[in-house]
PDB file of N, CA and C in Angstrom:
ATOM      1  N   MET A   1      -9.796  -1.132  15.076  1.00  0.00           N
ATOM      2  CA  MET A   1      -8.910   0.001  14.916  1.00  0.00           C
ATOM      3  C   MET A   1      -9.167   0.961  16.075  1.00  0.00           C
ATOM      4  N   HIS A   2      -8.107   1.377  16.737  1.00  0.00           N
ATOM      5  CA  HIS A   2      -8.219   2.225  17.924  1.00  0.00           C
ATOM      6  C   HIS A   2      -8.373   3.705  17.590  1.00  0.00           C
ATOM      7  N   ASP A   3      -7.820   4.141  16.484  1.00  0.00           N
ATOM      8  CA  ASP A   3      -7.812   5.574  16.173  1.00  0.00           C
ATOM      9  C   ASP A   3      -8.101   5.805  14.688  1.00  0.00           C
ATOM     10  N   PRO A   4      -9.384   5.720  14.293  1.00  0.00           N
ATOM     11  CA  PRO A   4      -9.739   5.889  12.882  1.00  0.00           C
ATOM     12  C   PRO A   4      -9.341   7.253  12.313  1.00  0.00           C
ATOM     13  N   ALA A   5      -9.398   8.295  13.113  1.00  0.00           N
ATOM     14  CA  ALA A   5      -9.037   9.630  12.617  1.00  0.00           C
ATOM     15  C   ALA A   5      -7.557   9.692  12.250  1.00  0.00           C
ATOM     16  N   LYS A   6      -6.709   9.093  13.077  1.00  0.00           N
ATOM     17  CA  LYS A   6      -5.275   9.082  12.795  1.00  0.00           C
ATOM     18  C   LYS A   6      -4.981   8.238  11.553  1.00  0.00           C
ATOM     19  N   PHE A   7      -5.675   7.107  11.416  1.00  0.00           N
ATOM     20  CA  PHE A   7      -5.464   6.280  10.232  1.00  0.00           C
ATOM     21  C   PHE A   7      -5.951   6.999   8.977  1.00  0.00           C
ATOM     22  N   SER A   8      -7.039   7.730   9.085  1.00  0.00           N
ATOM     23  CA  SER A   8      -7.540   8.509   7.949  1.00  0.00           C
ATOM     24  C   SER A   8      -6.520   9.557   7.519  1.00  0.00           C
ATOM     25  N   ALA A   9      -5.873  10.197   8.477  1.00  0.00           N
ATOM     26  CA  ALA A   9      -4.824  11.178   8.157  1.00  0.00           C
ATOM     27  C   ALA A   9      -3.661  10.490   7.447  1.00  0.00           C
ATOM     28  N   TYR A  10      -3.289   9.297   7.903  1.00  0.00           N
ATOM     29  CA  TYR A  10      -2.237   8.518   7.244  1.00  0.00           C
ATOM     30  C   TYR A  10      -2.639   8.196   5.809  1.00  0.00           C
ATOM     31  N   ALA A  11      -3.853   7.683   5.634  1.00  0.00           N
ATOM     32  CA  ALA A  11      -4.314   7.269   4.305  1.00  0.00           C
ATOM     33  C   ALA A  11      -4.331   8.442   3.330  1.00  0.00           C
ATOM     34  N   LYS A  12      -4.813   9.594   3.761  1.00  0.00           N
ATOM     35  CA  LYS A  12      -4.865  10.775   2.884  1.00  0.00           C
ATOM     36  C   LYS A  12      -3.466  11.260   2.523  1.00  0.00           C
ATOM     37  N   ALA A  13      -2.592  11.361   3.512  1.00  0.00           N
ATOM     38  CA  ALA A  13      -1.225  11.833   3.250  1.00  0.00           C
ATOM     39  C   ALA A  13      -0.481  10.843   2.360  1.00  0.00           C
ATOM     40  N   ASN A  14      -0.675   9.554   2.600  1.00  0.00           N
ATOM     41  CA  ASN A  14       0.002   8.541   1.804  1.00  0.00           C
ATOM     42  C   ASN A  14      -0.508   8.541   0.368  1.00  0.00           C
ATOM     43  N   ALA A  15      -1.810   8.667   0.176  1.00  0.00           N
ATOM     44  CA  ALA A  15      -2.372   8.705  -1.181  1.00  0.00           C
ATOM     45  C   ALA A  15      -1.803   9.879  -1.970  1.00  0.00           C
ATOM     46  N   ALA A  16      -1.653  11.017  -1.319  1.00  0.00           N
ATOM     47  CA  ALA A  16      -1.080  12.186  -1.996  1.00  0.00           C
ATOM     48  C   ALA A  16       0.372  11.927  -2.385  1.00  0.00           C
ATOM     49  N   LEU A  17       1.136  11.281  -1.507  1.00  0.00           N
ATOM     50  CA  LEU A  17       2.539  10.990  -1.810  1.00  0.00           C
ATOM     51  C   LEU A  17       2.655   9.956  -2.928  1.00  0.00           C
ATOM     52  N   VAL A  18       1.827   8.927  -2.892  1.00  0.00           N
ATOM     53  CA  VAL A  18       1.838   7.917  -3.956  1.00  0.00           C
ATOM     54  C   VAL A  18       1.614   8.595  -5.304  1.00  0.00           C
ATOM     55  N   ALA A  19       0.614   9.460  -5.388  1.00  0.00           N
ATOM     56  CA  ALA A  19       0.325  10.167  -6.643  1.00  0.00           C
ATOM     57  C   ALA A  19       1.487  11.071  -7.050  1.00  0.00           C
ATOM     58  N   LYS A  20       2.047  11.780  -6.090  1.00  0.00           N
ATOM     59  CA  LYS A  20       3.161  12.699  -6.375  1.00  0.00           C
ATOM     60  C   LYS A  20       4.367  11.960  -6.955  1.00  0.00           C
ATOM     61  N   LEU A  21       4.614  10.745  -6.467  1.00  0.00           N
ATOM     62  CA  LEU A  21       5.794   9.998  -6.893  1.00  0.00           C
ATOM     63  C   LEU A  21       5.517   9.032  -8.049  1.00  0.00           C
ATOM     64  N   GLY A  22       4.321   9.121  -8.640  1.00  0.00           N
ATOM     65  CA  GLY A  22       4.040   8.363  -9.855  1.00  0.00           C
ATOM     66  C   GLY A  22       3.308   7.055  -9.684  1.00  0.00           C
ATOM     67  N   GLY A  23       2.869   6.749  -8.477  1.00  0.00           N
ATOM     68  CA  GLY A  23       2.131   5.510  -8.254  1.00  0.00           C
ATOM     69  C   GLY A  23       0.636   5.708  -8.425  1.00  0.00           C
ATOM     70  N   THR A  24      -0.076   4.617  -8.619  1.00  0.00           N
ATOM     71  CA  THR A  24      -1.535   4.633  -8.671  1.00  0.00           C
ATOM     72  C   THR A  24      -2.046   3.424  -7.894  1.00  0.00           C
ATOM     73  N   TYR A  25      -3.251   3.549  -7.365  1.00  0.00           N
ATOM     74  CA  TYR A  25      -3.868   2.435  -6.649  1.00  0.00           C
ATOM     75  C   TYR A  25      -4.712   1.606  -7.610  1.00  0.00           C
ATOM     76  N   LEU A  26      -4.548   0.294  -7.560  1.00  0.00           N
ATOM     77  CA  LEU A  26      -5.388  -0.630  -8.315  1.00  0.00           C
ATOM     78  C   LEU A  26      -6.471  -1.219  -7.415  1.00  0.00           C
ATOM     79  N   VAL A  27      -6.122  -1.464  -6.158  1.00  0.00           N
ATOM     80  CA  VAL A  27      -7.054  -1.953  -5.142  1.00  0.00           C
ATOM     81  C   VAL A  27      -6.778  -1.156  -3.882  1.00  0.00           C
ATOM     82  N   LEU A  28      -7.842  -0.682  -3.249  1.00  0.00           N
ATOM     83  CA  LEU A  28      -7.660   0.119  -2.042  1.00  0.00           C
ATOM     84  C   LEU A  28      -8.761  -0.209  -1.041  1.00  0.00           C
ATOM     85  N   GLY A  29      -8.426  -1.048  -0.062  1.00  0.00           N
ATOM     86  CA  GLY A  29      -9.339  -1.316   1.033  1.00  0.00           C
ATOM     87  C   GLY A  29     -10.288  -2.481   0.851  1.00  0.00           C
ATOM     88  N   SER A  30     -10.158  -3.237  -0.209  1.00  0.00           N
ATOM     89  CA  SER A  30     -11.065  -4.354  -0.457  1.00  0.00           C
ATOM     90  C   SER A  30     -10.841  -5.472   0.555  1.00  0.00           C
ATOM     91  N   GLU A  31     -11.921  -6.000   1.079  1.00  0.00           N
ATOM     92  CA  GLU A  31     -11.822  -7.147   1.989  1.00  0.00           C
ATOM     93  C   GLU A  31     -11.467  -8.410   1.218  1.00  0.00           C
ATOM     94  N   GLY A  32     -11.946  -8.543   0.006  1.00  0.00           N
ATOM     95  CA  GLY A  32     -11.627  -9.697  -0.821  1.00  0.00           C
ATOM     96  C   GLY A  32     -12.377 -10.947  -0.394  1.00  0.00           C
ATOM     97  N   LEU A  33     -12.264 -11.976  -1.184  1.00  0.00           N
ATOM     98  CA  LEU A  33     -12.888 -13.261  -0.914  1.00  0.00           C
ATOM     99  C   LEU A  33     -11.891 -14.343  -1.299  1.00  0.00           C
ATOM    100  N   THR A  34     -11.394 -15.071  -0.312  1.00  0.00           N
ATOM    101  CA  THR A  34     -10.430 -16.136  -0.572  1.00  0.00           C
ATOM    102  C   THR A  34     -11.174 -17.370  -1.056  1.00  0.00           C
ATOM    103  N   LEU A  35     -10.848 -17.824  -2.247  1.00  0.00           N
ATOM    104  CA  LEU A  35     -11.482 -19.008  -2.816  1.00  0.00           C
ATOM    105  C   LEU A  35     -10.686 -20.273  -2.533  1.00  0.00           C
ATOM    106  N   GLU A  36      -9.392 -20.124  -2.300  1.00  0.00           N
ATOM    107  CA  GLU A  36      -8.550 -21.277  -2.007  1.00  0.00           C
ATOM    108  C   GLU A  36      -7.311 -20.780  -1.279  1.00  0.00           C
ATOM    109  N   GLY A  37      -6.783 -21.586  -0.365  1.00  0.00           N
ATOM    110  CA  GLY A  37      -5.560 -21.220   0.342  1.00  0.00           C
ATOM    111  C   GLY A  37      -5.827 -20.399   1.587  1.00  0.00           C
ATOM    112  N   GLN A  38      -4.759 -19.893   2.172  1.00  0.00           N
ATOM    113  CA  GLN A  38      -4.812 -19.133   3.416  1.00  0.00           C
ATOM    114  C   GLN A  38      -5.382 -17.738   3.176  1.00  0.00           C
ATOM    115  N   ALA A  39      -6.418 -17.395   3.916  1.00  0.00           N
ATOM    116  CA  ALA A  39      -7.028 -16.072   3.788  1.00  0.00           C
ATOM    117  C   ALA A  39      -6.121 -15.018   4.405  1.00  0.00           C
ATOM    118  N   LEU A  40      -6.008 -13.897   3.736  1.00  0.00           N
ATOM    119  CA  LEU A  40      -5.303 -12.743   4.284  1.00  0.00           C
ATOM    120  C   LEU A  40      -6.326 -11.885   5.014  1.00  0.00           C
ATOM    121  N   ILE A  41      -6.073 -11.638   6.283  1.00  0.00           N
ATOM    122  CA  ILE A  41      -7.016 -10.909   7.118  1.00  0.00           C
ATOM    123  C   ILE A  41      -6.868  -9.409   6.877  1.00  0.00           C
ATOM    124  N   GLY A  42      -7.986  -8.696   6.871  1.00  0.00           N
ATOM    125  CA  GLY A  42      -7.957  -7.242   6.816  1.00  0.00           C
ATOM    126  C   GLY A  42      -8.027  -6.665   5.418  1.00  0.00           C
ATOM    127  N   LYS A  43      -7.784  -5.388   5.351  1.00  0.00           N
ATOM    128  CA  LYS A  43      -7.873  -4.636   4.101  1.00  0.00           C
ATOM    129  C   LYS A  43      -6.681  -4.935   3.205  1.00  0.00           C
ATOM    130  N   LYS A  44      -6.905  -4.804   1.919  1.00  0.00           N
ATOM    131  CA  LYS A  44      -5.844  -5.037   0.930  1.00  0.00           C
ATOM    132  C   LYS A  44      -5.592  -3.760   0.142  1.00  0.00           C
ATOM    133  N   VAL A  45      -4.344  -3.530  -0.183  1.00  0.00           N
ATOM    134  CA  VAL A  45      -3.961  -2.389  -1.017  1.00  0.00           C
ATOM    135  C   VAL A  45      -2.990  -2.901  -2.069  1.00  0.00           C
ATOM    136  N   ILE A  46      -3.270  -2.599  -3.319  1.00  0.00           N
ATOM    137  CA  ILE A  46      -2.344  -2.910  -4.403  1.00  0.00           C
ATOM    138  C   ILE A  46      -2.085  -1.614  -5.148  1.00  0.00           C
ATOM    139  N   SER A  47      -0.820  -1.245  -5.221  1.00  0.00           N
ATOM    140  CA  SER A  47      -0.446  -0.041  -5.967  1.00  0.00           C
ATOM    141  C   SER A  47       0.422  -0.441  -7.150  1.00  0.00           C
ATOM    142  N   GLN A  48       0.402   0.393  -8.157  1.00  0.00           N
ATOM    143  CA  GLN A  48       1.182   0.154  -9.370  1.00  0.00           C
ATOM    144  C   GLN A  48       2.156   1.311  -9.545  1.00  0.00           C
ATOM    145  N   TRP A  49       3.374   0.966  -9.952  1.00  0.00           N
ATOM    146  CA  TRP A  49       4.433   1.960 -10.130  1.00  0.00           C
ATOM    147  C   TRP A  49       5.031   1.814 -11.523  1.00  0.00           C
ATOM    148  N   PRO A  50       5.535   2.907 -12.091  1.00  0.00           N
ATOM    149  CA  PRO A  50       6.103   2.817 -13.438  1.00  0.00           C
ATOM    150  C   PRO A  50       7.343   1.927 -13.502  1.00  0.00           C
ATOM    151  N   THR A  51       8.100   1.876 -12.414  1.00  0.00           N
ATOM    152  CA  THR A  51       9.302   1.044 -12.349  1.00  0.00           C
ATOM    153  C   THR A  51       9.491   0.549 -10.917  1.00  0.00           C
ATOM    154  N   LYS A  52      10.284  -0.491 -10.775  1.00  0.00           N
ATOM    155  CA  LYS A  52      10.631  -0.979  -9.441  1.00  0.00           C
ATOM    156  C   LYS A  52      11.386   0.104  -8.672  1.00  0.00           C
ATOM    157  N   GLN A  53      12.236   0.841  -9.372  1.00  0.00           N
ATOM    158  CA  GLN A  53      13.005   1.910  -8.737  1.00  0.00           C
ATOM    159  C   GLN A  53      12.078   2.992  -8.172  1.00  0.00           C
ATOM    160  N   ALA A  54      10.992   3.300  -8.890  1.00  0.00           N
ATOM    161  CA  ALA A  54      10.035   4.302  -8.400  1.00  0.00           C
ATOM    162  C   ALA A  54       9.355   3.817  -7.123  1.00  0.00           C
ATOM    163  N   ALA A  55       8.995   2.537  -7.085  1.00  0.00           N
ATOM    164  CA  ALA A  55       8.369   1.975  -5.888  1.00  0.00           C
ATOM    165  C   ALA A  55       9.329   2.020  -4.702  1.00  0.00           C
ATOM    166  N   LEU A  56      10.576   1.661  -4.944  1.00  0.00           N
ATOM    167  CA  LEU A  56      11.573   1.692  -3.868  1.00  0.00           C
ATOM    168  C   LEU A  56      11.878   3.117  -3.422  1.00  0.00           C
ATOM    169  N   ALA A  57      11.886   4.048  -4.358  1.00  0.00           N
ATOM    170  CA  ALA A  57      12.113   5.456  -4.001  1.00  0.00           C
ATOM    171  C   ALA A  57      11.000   5.951  -3.079  1.00  0.00           C
ATOM    172  N   TYR A  58       9.761   5.576  -3.375  1.00  0.00           N
ATOM    173  CA  TYR A  58       8.634   5.922  -2.501  1.00  0.00           C
ATOM    174  C   TYR A  58       8.828   5.300  -1.117  1.00  0.00           C
ATOM    175  N   TRP A  59       9.083   3.988  -1.079  1.00  0.00           N
ATOM    176  CA  TRP A  59       9.166   3.257   0.184  1.00  0.00           C
ATOM    177  C   TRP A  59      10.269   3.797   1.091  1.00  0.00           C
ATOM    178  N   HIS A  60      11.375   4.196   0.504  1.00  0.00           N
ATOM    179  CA  HIS A  60      12.521   4.662   1.292  1.00  0.00           C
ATOM    180  C   HIS A  60      12.595   6.184   1.400  1.00  0.00           C
ATOM    181  N   SER A  61      11.581   6.885   0.931  1.00  0.00           N
ATOM    182  CA  SER A  61      11.622   8.351   0.945  1.00  0.00           C
ATOM    183  C   SER A  61      11.452   8.898   2.364  1.00  0.00           C
ATOM    184  N   PRO A  62      12.090  10.033   2.644  1.00  0.00           N
ATOM    185  CA  PRO A  62      11.891  10.685   3.939  1.00  0.00           C
ATOM    186  C   PRO A  62      10.430  11.079   4.156  1.00  0.00           C
ATOM    187  N   GLU A  63       9.729  11.428   3.058  1.00  0.00           N
ATOM    188  CA  GLU A  63       8.313  11.802   3.182  1.00  0.00           C
ATOM    189  C   GLU A  63       7.486  10.623   3.689  1.00  0.00           C
ATOM    190  N   TYR A  64       7.741   9.424   3.137  1.00  0.00           N
ATOM    191  CA  TYR A  64       6.969   8.269   3.591  1.00  0.00           C
ATOM    192  C   TYR A  64       7.345   7.891   5.024  1.00  0.00           C
ATOM    193  N   ALA A  65       8.591   8.044   5.386  1.00  0.00           N
ATOM    194  CA  ALA A  65       9.001   7.750   6.768  1.00  0.00           C
ATOM    195  C   ALA A  65       8.204   8.604   7.754  1.00  0.00           C
ATOM    196  N   THR A  66       7.984   9.861   7.405  1.00  0.00           N
ATOM    197  CA  THR A  66       7.202  10.757   8.263  1.00  0.00           C
ATOM    198  C   THR A  66       5.733  10.346   8.275  1.00  0.00           C
ATOM    199  N   ILE A  67       5.176  10.086   7.090  1.00  0.00           N
ATOM    200  CA  ILE A  67       3.766   9.702   6.983  1.00  0.00           C
ATOM    201  C   ILE A  67       3.503   8.382   7.702  1.00  0.00           C
ATOM    202  N   ARG A  68       4.422   7.463   7.588  1.00  0.00           N
ATOM    203  CA  ARG A  68       4.254   6.139   8.195  1.00  0.00           C
ATOM    204  C   ARG A  68       4.072   6.221   9.708  1.00  0.00           C
ATOM    205  N   GLN A  69       4.642   7.220  10.336  1.00  0.00           N
ATOM    206  CA  GLN A  69       4.491   7.391  11.783  1.00  0.00           C
ATOM    207  C   GLN A  69       3.032   7.618  12.170  1.00  0.00           C
ATOM    208  N   LEU A  70       2.228   8.152  11.230  1.00  0.00           N
ATOM    209  CA  LEU A  70       0.806   8.354  11.507  1.00  0.00           C
ATOM    210  C   LEU A  70       0.071   7.029  11.688  1.00  0.00           C
ATOM    211  N   ARG A  71       0.626   5.955  11.141  1.00  0.00           N
ATOM    212  CA  ARG A  71       0.010   4.632  11.236  1.00  0.00           C
ATOM    213  C   ARG A  71       0.255   3.988  12.598  1.00  0.00           C
ATOM    214  N   ASP A  72       1.294   4.425  13.296  1.00  0.00           N
ATOM    215  CA  ASP A  72       1.631   3.852  14.599  1.00  0.00           C
ATOM    216  C   ASP A  72       0.513   4.108  15.605  1.00  0.00           C
ATOM    217  N   GLY A  73       0.146   3.081  16.333  1.00  0.00           N
ATOM    218  CA  GLY A  73      -0.820   3.235  17.409  1.00  0.00           C
ATOM    219  C   GLY A  73      -2.274   3.282  16.983  1.00  0.00           C
ATOM    220  N   VAL A  74      -2.570   2.978  15.715  1.00  0.00           N
ATOM    221  CA  VAL A  74      -3.969   3.024  15.284  1.00  0.00           C
ATOM    222  C   VAL A  74      -4.672   1.678  15.447  1.00  0.00           C
ATOM    223  N   GLY A  75      -3.918   0.643  15.824  1.00  0.00           N
ATOM    224  CA  GLY A  75      -4.530  -0.648  16.083  1.00  0.00           C
ATOM    225  C   GLY A  75      -4.393  -1.651  14.961  1.00  0.00           C
ATOM    226  N   ILE A  76      -3.500  -1.412  14.026  1.00  0.00           N
ATOM    227  CA  ILE A  76      -3.234  -2.385  12.974  1.00  0.00           C
ATOM    228  C   ILE A  76      -2.158  -3.323  13.488  1.00  0.00           C
ATOM    229  N   ALA A  77      -2.493  -4.606  13.585  1.00  0.00           N
ATOM    230  CA  ALA A  77      -1.560  -5.562  14.175  1.00  0.00           C
ATOM    231  C   ALA A  77      -0.345  -5.801  13.287  1.00  0.00           C
ATOM    232  N   THR A  78      -0.574  -6.060  12.007  1.00  0.00           N
ATOM    233  CA  THR A  78       0.537  -6.342  11.106  1.00  0.00           C
ATOM    234  C   THR A  78       0.259  -5.746   9.735  1.00  0.00           C
ATOM    235  N   ALA A  79       1.314  -5.587   9.000  1.00  0.00           N
ATOM    236  CA  ALA A  79       1.204  -5.175   7.599  1.00  0.00           C
ATOM    237  C   ALA A  79       2.233  -5.986   6.823  1.00  0.00           C
ATOM    238  N   ASP A  80       1.795  -6.609   5.762  1.00  0.00           N
ATOM    239  CA  ASP A  80       2.695  -7.348   4.883  1.00  0.00           C
ATOM    240  C   ASP A  80       2.848  -6.539   3.604  1.00  0.00           C
ATOM    241  N   VAL A  81       4.082  -6.271   3.213  1.00  0.00           N
ATOM    242  CA  VAL A  81       4.356  -5.469   2.023  1.00  0.00           C
ATOM    243  C   VAL A  81       5.254  -6.288   1.107  1.00  0.00           C
ATOM    244  N   THR A  82       4.839  -6.448  -0.143  1.00  0.00           N
ATOM    245  CA  THR A  82       5.588  -7.231  -1.119  1.00  0.00           C
ATOM    246  C   THR A  82       5.712  -6.436  -2.405  1.00  0.00           C
ATOM    247  N   LEU A  83       6.889  -6.428  -2.983  1.00  0.00           N
ATOM    248  CA  LEU A  83       7.125  -5.771  -4.270  1.00  0.00           C
ATOM    249  C   LEU A  83       7.217  -6.858  -5.332  1.00  0.00           C
ATOM    250  N   LEU A  84       6.334  -6.786  -6.323  1.00  0.00           N
ATOM    251  CA  LEU A  84       6.271  -7.801  -7.376  1.00  0.00           C
ATOM    252  C   LEU A  84       6.495  -7.165  -8.737  1.00  0.00           C
ATOM    253  N   ASP A  85       7.097  -7.924  -9.638  1.00  0.00           N
ATOM    254  CA  ASP A  85       7.182  -7.481 -11.025  1.00  0.00           C
ATOM    255  C   ASP A  85       5.832  -7.711 -11.687  1.00  0.00           C
ATOM    256  N   GLY A  86       5.470  -6.818 -12.602  1.00  0.00           N
ATOM    257  CA  GLY A  86       4.205  -6.952 -13.310  1.00  0.00           C
ATOM    258  C   GLY A  86       4.260  -8.005 -14.399  1.00  0.00           C
ATOM    259  N   TYR A  87       3.107  -8.349 -14.879  1.00  0.00           N
ATOM    260  CA  TYR A  87       2.971  -9.327 -15.955  1.00  0.00           C
ATOM    261  C   TYR A  87       3.354  -8.686 -17.278  1.00  0.00           C
ATOM    262  N   LYS A  88       4.172  -9.369 -18.028  1.00  0.00           N
ATOM    263  CA  LYS A  88       4.579  -8.893 -19.347  1.00  0.00           C
ATOM    264  C   LYS A  88       4.135  -9.931 -20.371  1.00  0.00           C
ATOM    265  N   PRO A  89       3.066  -9.631 -21.123  1.00  0.00           N
ATOM    266  CA  PRO A  89       2.577 -10.600 -22.103  1.00  0.00           C
ATOM    267  C   PRO A  89       3.652 -10.935 -23.130  1.00  0.00           C
ATOM    268  N   GLN A  90       3.684 -12.179 -23.523  1.00  0.00           N
ATOM    269  CA  GLN A  90       4.649 -12.610 -24.537  1.00  0.00           C
ATOM    270  C   GLN A  90       3.883 -13.162 -25.722  1.00  0.00           C
ATOM    271  N   ARG A  91       4.373 -12.868 -26.876  1.00  0.00           N
ATOM    272  CA  ARG A  91       3.740 -13.390 -28.085  1.00  0.00           C
ATOM    273  C   ARG A  91       4.086 -14.859 -28.244  1.00  0.00           C
ATOM    274  N   LEU A  92       3.130 -15.615 -28.712  1.00  0.00           N
ATOM    275  CA  LEU A  92       3.347 -17.049 -28.943  1.00  0.00           C
ATOM    276  C   LEU A  92       3.892 -17.298 -30.321  1.00  0.00           C
TER     277      LEU A  92
END
């Protein structure tokens, strides 16, 4: 990472926005251990949202667009972002 201070500013501002818009972090920064399959390189972040619409509202918000600019130039090669539906237990 080329600019840890800038990334720290991004992380703090983003965490505040996630909380403001109803999200919570389940995993934040874990390196993880791949037991099978292709290893994902780098830090992992998993956030939880009350609804898919809430997650999309965060992702497309003007506030996040501004905060995301703080991530530019810090030395992160790629970021993969996936929106998944949560597990809903079913009675047998």
